[in-house]
Amino acid sequence: LLGALRGALGDRDLAAADALPAQPEGALLPEALRRELQALCV
């Protein structure tokens, strides 16, 4: 379990772009950065 938790906390996998909810109108985050911020380890 500890090994799995260590791995999860270091996980850098990104969500597919089409899996993210739509940004609110006027949002300023570039799409690539928004995807990066979805990883557990940013």
ModelCIF file with pLDDT and N, C-alpha, C, O atoms, coordinates in Angstrom:
data_MODEL
#
_entry.id   MODEL 
#
_entity.id                         1 
_entity.type                       polymer 
_entity.pdbx_number_of_molecules   1 
#
_entity_poly.entity_id                      1 
_entity_poly.type                           'polypeptide(L)' 
_entity_poly.nstd_linkage                   no 
_entity_poly.nstd_monomer                   no 
_entity_poly.pdbx_seq_one_letter_code       LLGALRGALGDRDLAAADALPAQPEGALLPEALRRELQALCV 
_entity_poly.pdbx_seq_one_letter_code_can   LLGALRGALGDRDLAAADALPAQPEGALLPEALRRELQALCV 
_entity_poly.pdbx_strand_id                 A 
#
loop_
_entity_poly_seq.entity_id 
_entity_poly_seq.num 
_entity_poly_seq.mon_id 
_entity_poly_seq.hetero 
1 1  LEU n 
1 2  LEU n 
1 3  GLY n 
1 4  ALA n 
1 5  LEU n 
1 6  ARG n 
1 7  GLY n 
1 8  ALA n 
1 9  LEU n 
1 10 GLY n 
1 11 ASP n 
1 12 ARG n 
1 13 ASP n 
1 14 LEU n 
1 15 ALA n 
1 16 ALA n 
1 17 ALA n 
1 18 ASP n 
1 19 ALA n 
1 20 LEU n 
1 21 PRO n 
1 22 ALA n 
1 23 GLN n 
1 24 PRO n 
1 25 GLU n 
1 26 GLY n 
1 27 ALA n 
1 28 LEU n 
1 29 LEU n 
1 30 PRO n 
1 31 GLU n 
1 32 ALA n 
1 33 LEU n 
1 34 ARG n 
1 35 ARG n 
1 36 GLU n 
1 37 LEU n 
1 38 GLN n 
1 39 ALA n 
1 40 LEU n 
1 41 CYS n 
1 42 VAL n 
#
_struct_asym.id          A 
_struct_asym.entity_id   1 
#
loop_
_ma_qa_metric.id 
_ma_qa_metric.mode 
_ma_qa_metric.name 
_ma_qa_metric.software_group_id 
_ma_qa_metric.type 
1 global pLDDT . pLDDT 
2 local  pLDDT . pLDDT 
#
_ma_qa_metric_global.metric_id      1 
_ma_qa_metric_global.metric_value   91.10 
_ma_qa_metric_global.model_id       1 
_ma_qa_metric_global.ordinal_id     1 
#
loop_
_ma_qa_metric_local.label_asym_id 
_ma_qa_metric_local.label_comp_id 
_ma_qa_metric_local.label_seq_id 
_ma_qa_metric_local.metric_id 
_ma_qa_metric_local.metric_value 
_ma_qa_metric_local.model_id 
_ma_qa_metric_local.ordinal_id 
A LEU 1  2 91.00 1 1  
A LEU 2  2 93.00 1 2  
A GLY 3  2 93.00 1 3  
A ALA 4  2 93.00 1 4  
A LEU 5  2 95.00 1 5  
A ARG 6  2 96.00 1 6  
A GLY 7  2 95.00 1 7  
A ALA 8  2 95.00 1 8  
A LEU 9  2 97.00 1 9  
A GLY 10 2 97.00 1 10 
A ASP 11 2 96.00 1 11 
A ARG 12 2 95.00 1 12 
A ASP 13 2 93.00 1 13 
A LEU 14 2 91.00 1 14 
A ALA 15 2 85.00 1 15 
A ALA 16 2 86.00 1 16 
A ALA 17 2 82.00 1 17 
A ASP 18 2 87.00 1 18 
A ALA 19 2 88.00 1 19 
A LEU 20 2 88.00 1 20 
A PRO 21 2 87.00 1 21 
A ALA 22 2 88.00 1 22 
A GLN 23 2 88.00 1 23 
A PRO 24 2 90.00 1 24 
A GLU 25 2 91.00 1 25 
A GLY 26 2 91.00 1 26 
A ALA 27 2 89.00 1 27 
A LEU 28 2 88.00 1 28 
A LEU 29 2 87.00 1 29 
A PRO 30 2 89.00 1 30 
A GLU 31 2 86.00 1 31 
A ALA 32 2 88.00 1 32 
A LEU 33 2 91.00 1 33 
A ARG 34 2 89.00 1 34 
A ARG 35 2 90.00 1 35 
A GLU 36 2 93.00 1 36 
A LEU 37 2 92.00 1 37 
A GLN 38 2 91.00 1 38 
A ALA 39 2 93.00 1 39 
A LEU 40 2 95.00 1 40 
A CYS 41 2 97.00 1 41 
A VAL 42 2 97.00 1 42 
#
loop_
_atom_site.group_PDB 
_atom_site.id 
_atom_site.type_symbol 
_atom_site.label_atom_id 
_atom_site.label_alt_id 
_atom_site.label_comp_id 
_atom_site.label_asym_id 
_atom_site.label_entity_id 
_atom_site.label_seq_id 
_atom_site.pdbx_PDB_ins_code 
_atom_site.Cartn_x 
_atom_site.Cartn_y 
_atom_site.Cartn_z 
_atom_site.occupancy 
_atom_site.B_iso_or_equiv 
_atom_site.pdbx_formal_charge 
_atom_site.auth_seq_id 
_atom_site.auth_comp_id 
_atom_site.auth_asym_id 
_atom_site.auth_atom_id 
_atom_site.pdbx_PDB_model_num 
ATOM 1   N N  . LEU A 1 1  ? 0.831   -1.192 0.000   1.00 91.00 ? 1  LEU A N  1 
ATOM 2   C CA . LEU A 1 1  ? 0.000   0.000  0.000   1.00 91.00 ? 1  LEU A CA 1 
ATOM 3   C C  . LEU A 1 1  ? 0.874   1.254  0.000   1.00 91.00 ? 1  LEU A C  1 
ATOM 4   O O  . LEU A 1 1  ? 0.595   2.200  -0.736  1.00 91.00 ? 1  LEU A O  1 
ATOM 5   N N  . LEU A 1 2  ? 1.928   1.269  0.816   1.00 93.00 ? 2  LEU A N  1 
ATOM 6   C CA . LEU A 1 2  ? 2.831   2.423  0.840   1.00 93.00 ? 2  LEU A CA 1 
ATOM 7   C C  . LEU A 1 2  ? 3.467   2.642  -0.529  1.00 93.00 ? 2  LEU A C  1 
ATOM 8   O O  . LEU A 1 2  ? 3.582   3.781  -0.981  1.00 93.00 ? 2  LEU A O  1 
ATOM 9   N N  . GLY A 1 3  ? 3.878   1.576  -1.185  1.00 93.00 ? 3  GLY A N  1 
ATOM 10  C CA . GLY A 1 3  ? 4.456   1.704  -2.524  1.00 93.00 ? 3  GLY A CA 1 
ATOM 11  C C  . GLY A 1 3  ? 3.458   2.285  -3.508  1.00 93.00 ? 3  GLY A C  1 
ATOM 12  O O  . GLY A 1 3  ? 3.812   3.127  -4.333  1.00 93.00 ? 3  GLY A O  1 
ATOM 13  N N  . ALA A 1 4  ? 2.216   1.841  -3.423  1.00 93.00 ? 4  ALA A N  1 
ATOM 14  C CA . ALA A 1 4  ? 1.176   2.366  -4.312  1.00 93.00 ? 4  ALA A CA 1 
ATOM 15  C C  . ALA A 1 4  ? 0.921   3.847  -4.028  1.00 93.00 ? 4  ALA A C  1 
ATOM 16  O O  . ALA A 1 4  ? 0.735   4.631  -4.959  1.00 93.00 ? 4  ALA A O  1 
ATOM 17  N N  . LEU A 1 5  ? 0.911   4.233  -2.753  1.00 95.00 ? 5  LEU A N  1 
ATOM 18  C CA . LEU A 1 5  ? 0.707   5.634  -2.399  1.00 95.00 ? 5  LEU A CA 1 
ATOM 19  C C  . LEU A 1 5  ? 1.861   6.498  -2.885  1.00 95.00 ? 5  LEU A C  1 
ATOM 20  O O  . LEU A 1 5  ? 1.640   7.591  -3.406  1.00 95.00 ? 5  LEU A O  1 
ATOM 21  N N  . ARG A 1 6  ? 3.092   6.020  -2.719  1.00 96.00 ? 6  ARG A N  1 
ATOM 22  C CA . ARG A 1 6  ? 4.252   6.767  -3.228  1.00 96.00 ? 6  ARG A CA 1 
ATOM 23  C C  . ARG A 1 6  ? 4.127   6.982  -4.732  1.00 96.00 ? 6  ARG A C  1 
ATOM 24  O O  . ARG A 1 6  ? 4.357   8.082  -5.233  1.00 96.00 ? 6  ARG A O  1 
ATOM 25  N N  . GLY A 1 7  ? 3.763   5.928  -5.437  1.00 95.00 ? 7  GLY A N  1 
ATOM 26  C CA . GLY A 1 7  ? 3.608   6.027  -6.887  1.00 95.00 ? 7  GLY A CA 1 
ATOM 27  C C  . GLY A 1 7  ? 2.497   6.985  -7.279  1.00 95.00 ? 7  GLY A C  1 
ATOM 28  O O  . GLY A 1 7  ? 2.655   7.771  -8.214  1.00 95.00 ? 7  GLY A O  1 
ATOM 29  N N  . ALA A 1 8  ? 1.378   6.926  -6.575  1.00 95.00 ? 8  ALA A N  1 
ATOM 30  C CA . ALA A 1 8  ? 0.251   7.809  -6.892  1.00 95.00 ? 8  ALA A CA 1 
ATOM 31  C C  . ALA A 1 8  ? 0.619   9.269  -6.665  1.00 95.00 ? 8  ALA A C  1 
ATOM 32  O O  . ALA A 1 8  ? 0.280   10.126 -7.481  1.00 95.00 ? 8  ALA A O  1 
ATOM 33  N N  . LEU A 1 9  ? 1.310   9.562  -5.566  1.00 97.00 ? 9  LEU A N  1 
ATOM 34  C CA . LEU A 1 9  ? 1.666   10.949 -5.276  1.00 97.00 ? 9  LEU A CA 1 
ATOM 35  C C  . LEU A 1 9  ? 2.677   11.501 -6.279  1.00 97.00 ? 9  LEU A C  1 
ATOM 36  O O  . LEU A 1 9  ? 2.770   12.716 -6.449  1.00 97.00 ? 9  LEU A O  1 
ATOM 37  N N  . GLY A 1 10 ? 3.426   10.640 -6.937  1.00 97.00 ? 10 GLY A N  1 
ATOM 38  C CA . GLY A 1 10 ? 4.373   11.074 -7.957  1.00 97.00 ? 10 GLY A CA 1 
ATOM 39  C C  . GLY A 1 10 ? 3.844   10.936 -9.369  1.00 97.00 ? 10 GLY A C  1 
ATOM 40  O O  . GLY A 1 10 ? 4.589   11.132 -10.330 1.00 97.00 ? 10 GLY A O  1 
ATOM 41  N N  . ASP A 1 11 ? 2.570   10.602 -9.512  1.00 96.00 ? 11 ASP A N  1 
ATOM 42  C CA . ASP A 1 11 ? 1.992   10.369 -10.835 1.00 96.00 ? 11 ASP A CA 1 
ATOM 43  C C  . ASP A 1 11 ? 1.869   11.668 -11.630 1.00 96.00 ? 11 ASP A C  1 
ATOM 44  O O  . ASP A 1 11 ? 1.299   12.648 -11.150 1.00 96.00 ? 11 ASP A O  1 
ATOM 45  N N  . ARG A 1 12 ? 2.410   11.663 -12.852 1.00 95.00 ? 12 ARG A N  1 
ATOM 46  C CA . ARG A 1 12 ? 2.378   12.847 -13.707 1.00 95.00 ? 12 ARG A CA 1 
ATOM 47  C C  . ARG A 1 12 ? 1.501   12.654 -14.940 1.00 95.00 ? 12 ARG A C  1 
ATOM 48  O O  . ARG A 1 12 ? 1.515   13.486 -15.847 1.00 95.00 ? 12 ARG A O  1 
ATOM 49  N N  . ASP A 1 13 ? 0.745   11.574 -14.979 1.00 93.00 ? 13 ASP A N  1 
ATOM 50  C CA . ASP A 1 13 ? -0.136  11.339 -16.127 1.00 93.00 ? 13 ASP A CA 1 
ATOM 51  C C  . ASP A 1 13 ? -1.132  12.483 -16.276 1.00 93.00 ? 13 ASP A C  1 
ATOM 52  O O  . ASP A 1 13 ? -1.659  13.005 -15.293 1.00 93.00 ? 13 ASP A O  1 
ATOM 53  N N  . LEU A 1 14 ? -1.372  12.857 -17.520 1.00 91.00 ? 14 LEU A N  1 
ATOM 54  C CA . LEU A 1 14 ? -2.292  13.954 -17.812 1.00 91.00 ? 14 LEU A CA 1 
ATOM 55  C C  . LEU A 1 14 ? -3.612  13.404 -18.328 1.00 91.00 ? 14 LEU A C  1 
ATOM 56  O O  . LEU A 1 14 ? -3.646  12.399 -19.039 1.00 91.00 ? 14 LEU A O  1 
ATOM 57  N N  . ALA A 1 15 ? -4.679  14.063 -17.966 1.00 85.00 ? 15 ALA A N  1 
ATOM 58  C CA . ALA A 1 15 ? -6.004  13.703 -18.482 1.00 85.00 ? 15 ALA A CA 1 
ATOM 59  C C  . ALA A 1 15 ? -6.060  14.038 -19.963 1.00 85.00 ? 15 ALA A C  1 
ATOM 60  O O  . ALA A 1 15 ? -5.391  14.961 -20.428 1.00 85.00 ? 15 ALA A O  1 
ATOM 61  N N  . ALA A 1 16 ? -6.845  13.300 -20.681 1.00 86.00 ? 16 ALA A N  1 
ATOM 62  C CA . ALA A 1 16 ? -7.061  13.628 -22.096 1.00 86.00 ? 16 ALA A CA 1 
ATOM 63  C C  . ALA A 1 16 ? -7.740  14.994 -22.168 1.00 86.00 ? 16 ALA A C  1 
ATOM 64  O O  . ALA A 1 16 ? -8.590  15.320 -21.341 1.00 86.00 ? 16 ALA A O  1 
ATOM 65  N N  . ALA A 1 17 ? -7.359  15.776 -23.153 1.00 82.00 ? 17 ALA A N  1 
ATOM 66  C CA . ALA A 1 17 ? -7.909  17.131 -23.286 1.00 82.00 ? 17 ALA A CA 1 
ATOM 67  C C  . ALA A 1 17 ? -9.431  17.123 -23.333 1.00 82.00 ? 17 ALA A C  1 
ATOM 68  O O  . ALA A 1 17 ? -10.073 18.016 -22.779 1.00 82.00 ? 17 ALA A O  1 
ATOM 69  N N  . ASP A 1 18 ? -10.010 16.130 -23.985 1.00 87.00 ? 18 ASP A N  1 
ATOM 70  C CA . ASP A 1 18 ? -11.469 16.090 -24.090 1.00 87.00 ? 18 ASP A CA 1 
ATOM 71  C C  . ASP A 1 18 ? -12.153 15.580 -22.817 1.00 87.00 ? 18 ASP A C  1 
ATOM 72  O O  . ASP A 1 18 ? -13.382 15.570 -22.740 1.00 87.00 ? 18 ASP A O  1 
ATOM 73  N N  . ALA A 1 19 ? -11.363 15.156 -21.814 1.00 88.00 ? 19 ALA A N  1 
ATOM 74  C CA . ALA A 1 19 ? -11.935 14.687 -20.545 1.00 88.00 ? 19 ALA A CA 1 
ATOM 75  C C  . ALA A 1 19 ? -12.105 15.827 -19.542 1.00 88.00 ? 19 ALA A C  1 
ATOM 76  O O  . ALA A 1 19 ? -12.776 15.659 -18.524 1.00 88.00 ? 19 ALA A O  1 
ATOM 77  N N  . LEU A 1 20 ? -11.508 16.974 -19.818 1.00 88.00 ? 20 LEU A N  1 
ATOM 78  C CA . LEU A 1 20 ? -11.609 18.104 -18.901 1.00 88.00 ? 20 LEU A CA 1 
ATOM 79  C C  . LEU A 1 20 ? -12.907 18.866 -19.128 1.00 88.00 ? 20 LEU A C  1 
ATOM 80  O O  . LEU A 1 20 ? -13.367 18.991 -20.263 1.00 88.00 ? 20 LEU A O  1 
ATOM 81  N N  . PRO A 1 21 ? -13.493 19.371 -18.059 1.00 87.00 ? 21 PRO A N  1 
ATOM 82  C CA . PRO A 1 21 ? -14.698 20.186 -18.247 1.00 87.00 ? 21 PRO A CA 1 
ATOM 83  C C  . PRO A 1 21 ? -14.346 21.469 -18.996 1.00 87.00 ? 21 PRO A C  1 
ATOM 84  O O  . PRO A 1 21 ? -13.196 21.907 -18.986 1.00 87.00 ? 21 PRO A O  1 
ATOM 85  N N  . ALA A 1 22 ? -15.323 22.054 -19.630 1.00 88.00 ? 22 ALA A N  1 
ATOM 86  C CA . ALA A 1 22 ? -15.100 23.297 -20.366 1.00 88.00 ? 22 ALA A CA 1 
ATOM 87  C C  . ALA A 1 22 ? -14.687 24.398 -19.389 1.00 88.00 ? 22 ALA A C  1 
ATOM 88  O O  . ALA A 1 22 ? -15.156 24.452 -18.252 1.00 88.00 ? 22 ALA A O  1 
ATOM 89  N N  . GLN A 1 23 ? -13.801 25.267 -19.861 1.00 88.00 ? 23 GLN A N  1 
ATOM 90  C CA . GLN A 1 23 ? -13.403 26.405 -19.042 1.00 88.00 ? 23 GLN A CA 1 
ATOM 91  C C  . GLN A 1 23 ? -14.523 27.442 -19.027 1.00 88.00 ? 23 GLN A C  1 
ATOM 92  O O  . GLN A 1 23 ? -15.271 27.565 -19.997 1.00 88.00 ? 23 GLN A O  1 
ATOM 93  N N  . PRO A 1 24 ? -14.640 28.183 -17.933 1.00 90.00 ? 24 PRO A N  1 
ATOM 94  C CA . PRO A 1 24 ? -15.633 29.254 -17.914 1.00 90.00 ? 24 PRO A CA 1 
ATOM 95  C C  . PRO A 1 24 ? -15.264 30.340 -18.932 1.00 90.00 ? 24 PRO A C  1 
ATOM 96  O O  . PRO A 1 24 ? -14.092 30.517 -19.264 1.00 90.00 ? 24 PRO A O  1 
ATOM 97  N N  . GLU A 1 25 ? -16.238 31.035 -19.404 1.00 91.00 ? 25 GLU A N  1 
ATOM 98  C CA . GLU A 1 25 ? -15.992 32.106 -20.355 1.00 91.00 ? 25 GLU A CA 1 
ATOM 99  C C  . GLU A 1 25 ? -15.046 33.133 -19.732 1.00 91.00 ? 25 GLU A C  1 
ATOM 100 O O  . GLU A 1 25 ? -15.214 33.528 -18.578 1.00 91.00 ? 25 GLU A O  1 
ATOM 101 N N  . GLY A 1 26 ? -14.062 33.554 -20.500 1.00 91.00 ? 26 GLY A N  1 
ATOM 102 C CA . GLY A 1 26 ? -13.093 34.538 -20.030 1.00 91.00 ? 26 GLY A CA 1 
ATOM 103 C C  . GLY A 1 26 ? -11.925 33.941 -19.258 1.00 91.00 ? 26 GLY A C  1 
ATOM 104 O O  . GLY A 1 26 ? -11.071 34.690 -18.783 1.00 91.00 ? 26 GLY A O  1 
ATOM 105 N N  . ALA A 1 27 ? -11.856 32.615 -19.115 1.00 89.00 ? 27 ALA A N  1 
ATOM 106 C CA . ALA A 1 27 ? -10.747 31.980 -18.399 1.00 89.00 ? 27 ALA A CA 1 
ATOM 107 C C  . ALA A 1 27 ? -9.428  32.291 -19.105 1.00 89.00 ? 27 ALA A C  1 
ATOM 108 O O  . ALA A 1 27 ? -9.370  32.364 -20.333 1.00 89.00 ? 27 ALA A O  1 
ATOM 109 N N  . LEU A 1 28 ? -8.384  32.471 -18.323 1.00 88.00 ? 28 LEU A N  1 
ATOM 110 C CA . LEU A 1 28 ? -7.104  32.894 -18.883 1.00 88.00 ? 28 LEU A CA 1 
ATOM 111 C C  . LEU A 1 28 ? -6.063  31.782 -18.979 1.00 88.00 ? 28 LEU A C  1 
ATOM 112 O O  . LEU A 1 28 ? -4.988  31.999 -19.539 1.00 88.00 ? 28 LEU A O  1 
ATOM 113 N N  . LEU A 1 29 ? -6.354  30.615 -18.453 1.00 87.00 ? 29 LEU A N  1 
ATOM 114 C CA . LEU A 1 29 ? -5.364  29.537 -18.482 1.00 87.00 ? 29 LEU A CA 1 
ATOM 115 C C  . LEU A 1 29 ? -5.237  28.946 -19.882 1.00 87.00 ? 29 LEU A C  1 
ATOM 116 O O  . LEU A 1 29 ? -6.240  28.558 -20.480 1.00 87.00 ? 29 LEU A O  1 
ATOM 117 N N  . PRO A 1 30 ? -4.013  28.871 -20.413 1.00 89.00 ? 30 PRO A N  1 
ATOM 118 C CA . PRO A 1 30 ? -3.835  28.170 -21.683 1.00 89.00 ? 30 PRO A CA 1 
ATOM 119 C C  . PRO A 1 30 ? -4.212  26.696 -21.503 1.00 89.00 ? 30 PRO A C  1 
ATOM 120 O O  . PRO A 1 30 ? -4.020  26.128 -20.427 1.00 89.00 ? 30 PRO A O  1 
ATOM 121 N N  . GLU A 1 31 ? -4.734  26.099 -22.533 1.00 86.00 ? 31 GLU A N  1 
ATOM 122 C CA . GLU A 1 31 ? -5.223  24.716 -22.449 1.00 86.00 ? 31 GLU A CA 1 
ATOM 123 C C  . GLU A 1 31 ? -4.122  23.746 -22.021 1.00 86.00 ? 31 GLU A C  1 
ATOM 124 O O  . GLU A 1 31 ? -4.389  22.833 -21.239 1.00 86.00 ? 31 GLU A O  1 
ATOM 125 N N  . ALA A 1 32 ? -2.894  23.919 -22.512 1.00 88.00 ? 32 ALA A N  1 
ATOM 126 C CA . ALA A 1 32 ? -1.803  23.012 -22.148 1.00 88.00 ? 32 ALA A CA 1 
ATOM 127 C C  . ALA A 1 32 ? -1.494  23.099 -20.651 1.00 88.00 ? 32 ALA A C  1 
ATOM 128 O O  . ALA A 1 32 ? -1.261  22.075 -20.009 1.00 88.00 ? 32 ALA A O  1 
ATOM 129 N N  . LEU A 1 33 ? -1.490  24.299 -20.099 1.00 91.00 ? 33 LEU A N  1 
ATOM 130 C CA . LEU A 1 33 ? -1.236  24.461 -18.670 1.00 91.00 ? 33 LEU A CA 1 
ATOM 131 C C  . LEU A 1 33 ? -2.386  23.880 -17.856 1.00 91.00 ? 33 LEU A C  1 
ATOM 132 O O  . LEU A 1 33 ? -2.159  23.240 -16.829 1.00 91.00 ? 33 LEU A O  1 
ATOM 133 N N  . ARG A 1 34 ? -3.591  24.094 -18.299 1.00 89.00 ? 34 ARG A N  1 
ATOM 134 C CA . ARG A 1 34 ? -4.756  23.544 -17.604 1.00 89.00 ? 34 ARG A CA 1 
ATOM 135 C C  . ARG A 1 34 ? -4.672  22.028 -17.521 1.00 89.00 ? 34 ARG A C  1 
ATOM 136 O O  . ARG A 1 34 ? -5.029  21.443 -16.498 1.00 89.00 ? 34 ARG A O  1 
ATOM 137 N N  . ARG A 1 35 ? -4.206  21.388 -18.583 1.00 90.00 ? 35 ARG A N  1 
ATOM 138 C CA . ARG A 1 35 ? -4.021  19.927 -18.560 1.00 90.00 ? 35 ARG A CA 1 
ATOM 139 C C  . ARG A 1 35 ? -2.945  19.542 -17.571 1.00 90.00 ? 35 ARG A C  1 
ATOM 140 O O  . ARG A 1 35 ? -3.121  18.590 -16.810 1.00 90.00 ? 35 ARG A O  1 
ATOM 141 N N  . GLU A 1 36 ? -1.823  20.267 -17.563 1.00 93.00 ? 36 GLU A N  1 
ATOM 142 C CA . GLU A 1 36 ? -0.722  19.974 -16.630 1.00 93.00 ? 36 GLU A CA 1 
ATOM 143 C C  . GLU A 1 36 ? -1.189  20.046 -15.174 1.00 93.00 ? 36 GLU A C  1 
ATOM 144 O O  . GLU A 1 36 ? -0.748  19.256 -14.340 1.00 93.00 ? 36 GLU A O  1 
ATOM 145 N N  . LEU A 1 37 ? -2.060  20.973 -14.876 1.00 92.00 ? 37 LEU A N  1 
ATOM 146 C CA . LEU A 1 37 ? -2.528  21.171 -13.496 1.00 92.00 ? 37 LEU A CA 1 
ATOM 147 C C  . LEU A 1 37 ? -3.455  20.061 -13.022 1.00 92.00 ? 37 LEU A C  1 
ATOM 148 O O  . LEU A 1 37 ? -3.800  20.014 -11.841 1.00 92.00 ? 37 LEU A O  1 
ATOM 149 N N  . GLN A 1 38 ? -3.865  19.170 -13.913 1.00 91.00 ? 38 GLN A N  1 
ATOM 150 C CA . GLN A 1 38 ? -4.736  18.052 -13.543 1.00 91.00 ? 38 GLN A CA 1 
ATOM 151 C C  . GLN A 1 38 ? -3.954  16.858 -13.007 1.00 91.00 ? 38 GLN A C  1 
ATOM 152 O O  . GLN A 1 38 ? -4.548  15.960 -12.411 1.00 91.00 ? 38 GLN A O  1 
ATOM 153 N N  . ALA A 1 39 ? -2.649  16.826 -13.201 1.00 93.00 ? 39 ALA A N  1 
ATOM 154 C CA . ALA A 1 39 ? -1.828  15.709 -12.712 1.00 93.00 ? 39 ALA A CA 1 
ATOM 155 C C  . ALA A 1 39 ? -1.772  15.743 -11.180 1.00 93.00 ? 39 ALA A C  1 
ATOM 156 O O  . ALA A 1 39 ? -1.912  16.808 -10.579 1.00 93.00 ? 39 ALA A O  1 
ATOM 157 N N  . LEU A 1 40 ? -1.572  14.597 -10.559 1.00 95.00 ? 40 LEU A N  1 
ATOM 158 C CA . LEU A 1 40 ? -1.391  14.581 -9.106  1.00 95.00 ? 40 LEU A CA 1 
ATOM 159 C C  . LEU A 1 40 ? -0.081  15.250 -8.727  1.00 95.00 ? 40 LEU A C  1 
ATOM 160 O O  . LEU A 1 40 ? -0.019  15.985 -7.741  1.00 95.00 ? 40 LEU A O  1 
ATOM 161 N N  . CYS A 1 41 ? 0.964   15.001 -9.504  1.00 97.00 ? 41 CYS A N  1 
ATOM 162 C CA . CYS A 1 41 ? 2.256   15.647 -9.286  1.00 97.00 ? 41 CYS A CA 1 
ATOM 163 C C  . CYS A 1 41 ? 2.453   16.645 -10.424 1.00 97.00 ? 41 CYS A C  1 
ATOM 164 O O  . CYS A 1 41 ? 2.687   16.256 -11.569 1.00 97.00 ? 41 CYS A O  1 
ATOM 165 N N  . VAL A 1 42 ? 2.358   17.916 -10.103 1.00 97.00 ? 42 VAL A N  1 
ATOM 166 C CA . VAL A 1 42 ? 2.404   18.977 -11.109 1.00 97.00 ? 42 VAL A CA 1 
ATOM 167 C C  . VAL A 1 42 ? 3.834   19.465 -11.290 1.00 97.00 ? 42 VAL A C  1 
ATOM 168 O O  . VAL A 1 42 ? 4.083   20.361 -12.096 1.00 97.00 ? 42 VAL A O  1 
#
